[in-house]
Amino acid sequence: MPTINIATYEFLNRMHQASERGDSAEAEKYLRQALELDPDNMDALRHAAGFYHFVLHDAAKARRYATLCRVQAAKVTAQMDDILGQENEKPKATASRHLGGIIGPY
C-alpha cells in the first residue's frame, strides 16, 4: 500500500482556499504542485478533473484527469476484489425459499 503524502493534501487544501477566494490561477498552481508531488493520487486527480471541468471549463484537461483517476480507481477496485475474493471462498449458507406457505431450505 502506498504511503500517504501529507504535502499533497496541504496543496489541495490551499487549492480549495484559493478557489473559494475566486483566485483560479493560484488554485491551479497549487493543484499542479499536488499533482507533481503525487501524480497517482486519486484525490488530486479527482480534484483536477473537477477543477478543469467546472472552474476553468477545459474539457480536454478534465477528460485527461478523469481518465487517469479511473485508471487508479480500477487498480484500487482490483485490490479490493482480491481482498473480497478471499472472503467469498467461505461456504455459503443454504438459501431459504418460500413455496406454498412453507418457509425453509429446499
Protein backbone atom coordinates (compact mmCIF):
# COMPACT_ATOMS: atom_id res chain seq x y z
CA MET A 1 0.00 0.00 0.00
CA PRO A 2 1.47 3.40 -0.94
CA THR A 3 2.36 5.89 1.75
CA ILE A 4 0.23 8.98 2.22
CA ASN A 5 1.96 12.18 1.22
CA ILE A 6 0.57 14.81 3.55
CA ALA A 7 2.07 17.63 1.47
CA THR A 8 -0.23 16.62 -1.41
CA TYR A 9 -3.24 17.25 0.80
CA GLU A 10 -1.74 20.54 2.01
CA PHE A 11 -1.57 21.70 -1.62
CA LEU A 12 -5.13 20.50 -2.26
CA ASN A 13 -6.31 22.41 0.81
CA ARG A 14 -4.57 25.56 -0.43
CA MET A 15 -6.14 24.98 -3.84
CA HIS A 16 -9.60 24.92 -2.26
CA GLN A 17 -8.91 28.08 -0.27
CA ALA A 18 -7.70 29.92 -3.38
CA SER A 19 -10.67 28.66 -5.35
CA GLU A 20 -13.08 29.88 -2.67
CA ARG A 21 -11.45 33.32 -2.92
CA GLY A 22 -12.01 33.22 -6.68
CA ASP A 23 -8.29 33.07 -7.48
CA SER A 24 -8.32 30.34 -10.12
CA ALA A 25 -4.70 30.99 -11.17
CA GLU A 26 -3.41 30.38 -7.66
CA ALA A 27 -5.74 27.41 -7.24
CA GLU A 28 -4.37 25.88 -10.43
CA LYS A 29 -0.79 26.49 -9.22
CA TYR A 30 -1.46 24.53 -6.01
CA LEU A 31 -3.29 21.81 -7.90
CA ARG A 32 -0.31 21.36 -10.22
CA GLN A 33 2.04 21.18 -7.23
CA ALA A 34 -0.12 18.44 -5.69
CA LEU A 35 -0.13 16.51 -8.96
CA GLU A 36 3.63 16.90 -9.41
CA LEU A 37 4.22 15.65 -5.89
CA ASP A 38 1.91 12.64 -6.23
CA PRO A 39 0.70 12.07 -9.81
CA ASP A 40 -1.17 8.87 -8.93
CA ASN A 41 -3.13 10.32 -6.01
CA MET A 42 -6.81 9.69 -6.73
CA ASP A 43 -7.94 12.68 -4.67
CA ALA A 44 -5.65 15.02 -6.60
CA LEU A 45 -6.73 13.52 -9.94
CA ARG A 46 -10.41 13.78 -9.00
CA HIS A 47 -9.99 17.40 -7.93
CA ALA A 48 -8.10 18.17 -11.13
CA ALA A 49 -10.87 16.69 -13.27
CA GLY A 50 -13.49 18.72 -11.42
CA PHE A 51 -11.42 21.90 -11.40
CA TYR A 52 -10.82 21.81 -15.13
CA HIS A 53 -14.42 20.82 -15.84
CA PHE A 54 -16.30 23.20 -13.55
CA VAL A 55 -13.92 26.12 -12.94
CA LEU A 56 -11.73 26.55 -16.00
CA HIS A 57 -14.03 24.78 -18.50
CA ASP A 58 -11.12 22.99 -20.17
CA ALA A 59 -12.78 19.81 -21.43
CA ALA A 60 -9.59 18.19 -22.70
CA LYS A 61 -7.77 18.53 -19.36
CA ALA A 62 -10.86 17.49 -17.43
CA ARG A 63 -11.17 14.31 -19.52
CA ARG A 64 -7.46 13.58 -19.20
CA TYR A 65 -7.53 13.78 -15.41
CA ALA A 66 -10.82 11.89 -15.21
CA THR A 67 -9.28 9.10 -17.27
CA LEU A 68 -6.18 8.98 -15.04
CA CYS A 69 -8.41 8.89 -11.97
CA ARG A 70 -10.39 5.98 -13.41
CA VAL A 71 -7.15 4.06 -14.01
CA GLN A 72 -6.22 4.49 -10.35
CA ALA A 73 -9.77 3.58 -9.29
CA ALA A 74 -9.56 0.38 -11.36
CA LYS A 75 -6.33 -0.56 -9.57
CA VAL A 76 -7.95 0.01 -6.18
CA THR A 77 -11.03 -1.94 -7.27
CA ALA A 78 -8.84 -4.88 -8.32
CA GLN A 79 -7.11 -4.81 -4.93
CA MET A 80 -10.46 -4.77 -3.13
CA ASP A 81 -11.75 -7.61 -5.33
CA ASP A 82 -8.72 -9.67 -4.29
CA ILE A 83 -9.47 -9.00 -0.65
CA LEU A 84 -13.17 -9.75 -1.05
CA GLY A 85 -12.41 -12.80 -3.18
CA GLN A 86 -10.65 -14.39 -0.22
CA GLU A 87 -13.79 -13.91 1.83
CA ASN A 88 -16.00 -15.38 -0.92
CA GLU A 89 -14.20 -18.72 -0.62
CA LYS A 90 -16.08 -19.47 2.60
CA PRO A 91 -19.03 -21.86 2.20
CA LYS A 92 -22.34 -20.09 1.75
CA ALA A 93 -25.39 -20.78 3.88
CA THR A 94 -28.28 -22.58 2.23
CA ALA A 95 -30.77 -20.14 0.76
CA SER A 96 -34.29 -20.06 2.18
CA ARG A 97 -37.24 -20.23 -0.19
CA HIS A 98 -40.92 -19.64 0.20
CA LEU A 99 -43.06 -22.24 -1.53
CA GLY A 100 -46.77 -22.63 -0.89
CA GLY A 101 -46.76 -21.01 2.52
CA ILE A 102 -43.86 -23.05 3.89
CA ILE A 103 -40.57 -21.31 4.56
CA GLY A 104 -37.37 -23.30 4.76
CA PRO A 105 -34.28 -24.53 2.92
CA TYR A 106 -35.09 -26.74 -0.08
